[in-house]
C-alpha atoms as a PDB file:
ATOM      1  CA  UNK A   1      77.346   5.711-144.099  1.00  0.00           C
ATOM      2  CA  UNK A   2      75.671   8.643-145.868  1.00  0.00           C
ATOM      3  CA  UNK A   3      72.596  10.232-144.390  1.00  0.00           C
ATOM      4  CA  UNK A   4      69.295   9.398-146.043  1.00  0.00           C
ATOM      5  CA  UNK A   5      66.627  12.048-146.488  1.00  0.00           C
ATOM      6  CA  UNK A   6      62.969  11.020-146.453  1.00  0.00           C
ATOM      7  CA  UNK A   7      60.396  13.580-147.572  1.00  0.00           C
ATOM      8  CA  UNK A   8      56.615  13.625-147.848  1.00  0.00           C
ATOM      9  CA  UNK A   9      54.400  16.525-148.918  1.00  0.00           C
ATOM     10  CA  UNK A  10      50.729  16.384-147.983  1.00  0.00           C
ATOM     11  CA  UNK A  11      47.801  18.121-149.652  1.00  0.00           C
ATOM     12  CA  UNK A  12      44.615  19.054-147.827  1.00  0.00           C
ATOM     13  CA  UNK A  13      41.639  18.161-149.984  1.00  0.00           C
ATOM     14  CA  UNK A  14      37.931  18.537-149.428  1.00  0.00           C
ATOM     15  CA  UNK A  15      36.463  17.795-146.015  1.00  0.00           C
ATOM     16  CA  UNK A  16      39.037  16.178-143.751  1.00  0.00           C
ATOM     17  CA  UNK A  17      40.865  14.243-146.489  1.00  0.00           C
ATOM     18  CA  UNK A  18      44.642  14.644-146.731  1.00  0.00           C
ATOM     19  CA  UNK A  19      46.667  12.971-149.482  1.00  0.00           C
ATOM     20  CA  UNK A  20      50.322  12.465-150.295  1.00  0.00           C
ATOM     21  CA  UNK A  21      51.924  11.037-153.400  1.00  0.00           C
ATOM     22  CA  UNK A  22      54.805   8.916-152.120  1.00  0.00           C
ATOM     23  CA  UNK A  23      56.722   7.435-155.028  1.00  0.00           C
ATOM     24  CA  UNK A  24      54.005   5.574-156.966  1.00  0.00           C
ATOM     25  CA  UNK A  25      51.673   5.296-153.962  1.00  0.00           C
ATOM     26  CA  UNK A  26      48.781   7.594-153.122  1.00  0.00           C
ATOM     27  CA  UNK A  27      48.380   7.746-149.344  1.00  0.00           C
ATOM     28  CA  UNK A  28      45.113   8.966-147.856  1.00  0.00           C
ATOM     29  CA  UNK A  29      44.360  10.122-144.336  1.00  0.00           C
ATOM     30  CA  UNK A  30      40.772  10.910-143.435  1.00  0.00           C
ATOM     31  CA  UNK A  31      38.375  10.887-140.529  1.00  0.00           C
ATOM     32  CA  UNK A  32      35.729   8.193-139.970  1.00  0.00           C
ATOM     33  CA  UNK A  33      33.177  10.929-139.252  1.00  0.00           C
ATOM     34  CA  UNK A  34      33.936  12.559-142.620  1.00  0.00           C
ATOM     35  CA  UNK A  35      34.259  10.706-145.952  1.00  0.00           C
ATOM     36  CA  UNK A  36      36.231   7.871-144.278  1.00  0.00           C
ATOM     37  CA  UNK A  37      38.493   7.317-147.300  1.00  0.00           C
ATOM     38  CA  UNK A  38      41.505   6.391-145.170  1.00  0.00           C
ATOM     39  CA  UNK A  39      42.771   5.809-141.671  1.00  0.00           C
ATOM     40  CA  UNK A  40      43.013   8.819-139.382  1.00  0.00           C
ATOM     41  CA  UNK A  41      46.431  10.329-138.529  1.00  0.00           C
ATOM     42  CA  UNK A  42      46.721   8.489-135.201  1.00  0.00           C
ATOM     43  CA  UNK A  43      45.894   5.119-136.781  1.00  0.00           C
ATOM     44  CA  UNK A  44      48.389   5.858-139.561  1.00  0.00           C
ATOM     45  CA  UNK A  45      51.043   6.697-136.963  1.00  0.00           C
ATOM     46  CA  UNK A  46      50.496   3.369-135.175  1.00  0.00           C
ATOM     47  CA  UNK A  47      50.487   1.539-138.524  1.00  0.00           C
ATOM     48  CA  UNK A  48      53.874   3.134-139.279  1.00  0.00           C
ATOM     49  CA  UNK A  49      55.228   1.805-135.986  1.00  0.00           C
ATOM     50  CA  UNK A  50      53.921  -1.728-136.572  1.00  0.00           C
ATOM     51  CA  UNK A  51      54.996  -1.661-140.214  1.00  0.00           C
ATOM     52  CA  UNK A  52      58.507  -0.523-139.357  1.00  0.00           C
ATOM     53  CA  UNK A  53      58.878  -3.216-136.688  1.00  0.00           C
ATOM     54  CA  UNK A  54      57.720  -5.822-139.230  1.00  0.00           C
ATOM     55  CA  UNK A  55      60.196  -4.646-141.870  1.00  0.00           C
ATOM     56  CA  UNK A  56      63.106  -4.634-139.417  1.00  0.00           C
ATOM     57  CA  UNK A  57      62.063  -8.111-138.202  1.00  0.00           C
ATOM     58  CA  UNK A  58      62.394  -9.370-141.771  1.00  0.00           C
ATOM     59  CA  UNK A  59      65.871  -7.790-142.022  1.00  0.00           C
ATOM     60  CA  UNK A  60      67.068  -9.245-138.712  1.00  0.00           C
ATOM     61  CA  UNK A  61      65.629 -12.677-139.560  1.00  0.00           C
ATOM     62  CA  UNK A  62      67.434 -12.639-142.908  1.00  0.00           C
ATOM     63  CA  UNK A  63      70.732 -11.682-141.230  1.00  0.00           C
ATOM     64  CA  UNK A  64      70.343 -14.499-138.691  1.00  0.00           C
ATOM     65  CA  UNK A  65      69.003 -17.102-141.148  1.00  0.00           C
ATOM     66  CA  UNK A  66      65.746 -17.386-139.200  1.00  0.00           C
ATOM     67  CA  UNK A  67      62.630 -18.478-141.042  1.00  0.00           C
ATOM     68  CA  UNK A  68      59.660 -16.500-139.820  1.00  0.00           C
ATOM     69  CA  UNK A  69      56.422 -18.154-140.836  1.00  0.00           C
ATOM     70  CA  UNK A  70      54.289 -15.383-139.361  1.00  0.00           C
ATOM     71  CA  UNK A  71      55.001 -12.096-137.641  1.00  0.00           C
ATOM     72  CA  UNK A  72      52.034 -10.030-136.457  1.00  0.00           C
ATOM     73  CA  UNK A  73      52.258  -6.790-134.534  1.00  0.00           C
ATOM     74  CA  UNK A  74      49.388  -5.419-132.452  1.00  0.00           C
ATOM     75  CA  UNK A  75      49.867  -1.794-131.421  1.00  0.00           C
ATOM     76  CA  UNK A  76      47.555  -0.342-128.770  1.00  0.00           C
ATOM     77  CA  UNK A  77      47.787   3.265-127.682  1.00  0.00           C
ATOM     78  CA  UNK A  78      45.930   5.258-125.043  1.00  0.00           C
ATOM     79  CA  UNK A  79      45.363   8.973-125.203  1.00  0.00           C
ATOM     80  CA  UNK A  80      43.324  11.711-123.591  1.00  0.00           C
ATOM     81  CA  UNK A  81      41.794  13.734-126.445  1.00  0.00           C
ATOM     82  CA  UNK A  82      41.255  16.843-124.282  1.00  0.00           C
ATOM     83  CA  UNK A  83      44.472  18.508-125.465  1.00  0.00           C
ATOM     84  CA  UNK A  84      43.816  18.066-129.168  1.00  0.00           C
ATOM     85  CA  UNK A  85      40.331  19.490-128.631  1.00  0.00           C
ATOM     86  CA  UNK A  86      41.862  22.604-127.026  1.00  0.00           C
ATOM     87  CA  UNK A  87      40.792  21.706-123.500  1.00  0.00           C
ATOM     88  CA  UNK A  88      43.127  21.878-120.498  1.00  0.00           C
ATOM     89  CA  UNK A  89      44.766  18.610-119.486  1.00  0.00           C
ATOM     90  CA  UNK A  90      47.843  17.459-117.597  1.00  0.00           C
ATOM     91  CA  UNK A  91      48.156  14.585-120.083  1.00  0.00           C
ATOM     92  CA  UNK A  92      50.218  14.899-123.240  1.00  0.00           C
ATOM     93  CA  UNK A  93      48.353  15.893-126.405  1.00  0.00           C
ATOM     94  CA  UNK A  94      49.604  12.678-127.979  1.00  0.00           C
ATOM     95  CA  UNK A  95      49.556   9.149-126.686  1.00  0.00           C
ATOM     96  CA  UNK A  96      50.096   8.556-122.953  1.00  0.00           C
ATOM     97  CA  UNK A  97      51.214   5.003-123.557  1.00  0.00           C
ATOM     98  CA  UNK A  98      51.829   2.654-126.458  1.00  0.00           C
ATOM     99  CA  UNK A  99      51.944  -1.138-126.073  1.00  0.00           C
ATOM    100  CA  UNK A 100      53.405  -3.382-128.753  1.00  0.00           C
ATOM    101  CA  UNK A 101      52.501  -7.069-128.721  1.00  0.00           C
ATOM    102  CA  UNK A 102      53.877  -9.445-131.299  1.00  0.00           C
ATOM    103  CA  UNK A 103      53.024 -12.954-132.349  1.00  0.00           C
ATOM    104  CA  UNK A 104      56.042 -14.722-133.818  1.00  0.00           C
ATOM    105  CA  UNK A 105      55.823 -18.100-135.525  1.00  0.00           C
ATOM    106  CA  UNK A 106      59.437 -19.248-135.887  1.00  0.00           C
ATOM    107  CA  UNK A 107      61.645 -22.019-134.565  1.00  0.00           C
ATOM    108  CA  UNK A 108      62.767 -19.974-131.563  1.00  0.00           C
ATOM    109  CA  UNK A 109      62.333 -20.429-127.827  1.00  0.00           C
ATOM    110  CA  UNK A 110      60.342 -17.829-125.903  1.00  0.00           C
ATOM    111  CA  UNK A 111      63.609 -16.310-124.636  1.00  0.00           C
ATOM    112  CA  UNK A 112      64.979 -16.169-128.191  1.00  0.00           C
ATOM    113  CA  UNK A 113      61.762 -14.516-129.417  1.00  0.00           C
ATOM    114  CA  UNK A 114      62.060 -11.883-126.680  1.00  0.00           C
ATOM    115  CA  UNK A 115      65.705 -11.212-127.589  1.00  0.00           C
ATOM    116  CA  UNK A 116      64.781 -11.081-131.282  1.00  0.00           C
ATOM    117  CA  UNK A 117      62.021  -8.522-130.615  1.00  0.00           C
ATOM    118  CA  UNK A 118      64.371  -6.428-128.437  1.00  0.00           C
ATOM    119  CA  UNK A 119      66.904  -6.348-131.293  1.00  0.00           C
ATOM    120  CA  UNK A 120      64.193  -5.462-133.813  1.00  0.00           C
ATOM    121  CA  UNK A 121      62.761  -2.626-131.705  1.00  0.00           C
ATOM    122  CA  UNK A 122      66.241  -1.248-130.990  1.00  0.00           C
ATOM    123  CA  UNK A 123      66.880  -1.033-134.757  1.00  0.00           C
ATOM    124  CA  UNK A 124      63.451   0.360-135.745  1.00  0.00           C
ATOM    125  CA  UNK A 125      63.685   4.086-136.599  1.00  0.00           C
ATOM    126  CA  UNK A 126      60.018   4.762-135.787  1.00  0.00           C
ATOM    127  CA  UNK A 127      60.346   3.031-132.397  1.00  0.00           C
ATOM    128  CA  UNK A 128      63.554   4.983-131.757  1.00  0.00           C
ATOM    129  CA  UNK A 129      61.836   8.294-132.543  1.00  0.00           C
ATOM    130  CA  UNK A 130      59.277   7.518-129.848  1.00  0.00           C
ATOM    131  CA  UNK A 131      61.961   6.782-127.270  1.00  0.00           C
ATOM    132  CA  UNK A 132      64.333   9.570-128.317  1.00  0.00           C
ATOM    133  CA  UNK A 133      62.346  12.226-130.124  1.00  0.00           C
ATOM    134  CA  UNK A 134      63.954  13.996-133.049  1.00  0.00           C
ATOM    135  CA  UNK A 135      64.240  17.758-133.191  1.00  0.00           C
ATOM    136  CA  UNK A 136      61.089  18.930-134.947  1.00  0.00           C
ATOM    137  CA  UNK A 137      60.772  22.483-136.246  1.00  0.00           C
ATOM    138  CA  UNK A 138      57.857  24.193-137.925  1.00  0.00           C
ATOM    139  CA  UNK A 139      57.440  27.368-139.957  1.00  0.00           C
ATOM    140  CA  UNK A 140      55.129  28.995-142.436  1.00  0.00           C
ATOM    141  CA  UNK A 141      56.510  29.146-145.953  1.00  0.00           C
ATOM    142  CA  UNK A 142      55.718  32.641-147.175  1.00  0.00           C
ATOM    143  CA  UNK A 143      54.733  32.945-150.803  1.00  0.00           C
ATOM    144  CA  UNK A 144      55.896  35.890-152.865  1.00  0.00           C
END
């Protein structure tokens, strides 16, 4: 199967607001202590994880002819903010732990729900990137 490229370009606006035009959607990231026009980057990251798990759950349910009446994902992450504030810490700058809890309303046993969630998480690209990080590079684009 051909590789798919996903791209997003962000724009720093006034205050702490960052926007991105993604297809026909305007996404906004902001800080609650600023103008609070959107979720902060960490909340957006966790939303991406829960949203991806939900989308893959719909795909897997469709493939298996399972009717899901409700599928809720609660993502809870713990971090030490010392690193992002430039203070020394033995903890990672990002999250130390992330817990995913789902509530699934479908005609499945508890064991089947657990197997279903395992399959979903194993097929979720965002979940996979947390378990097996992608190579990330960074550079300054010099303007002429």
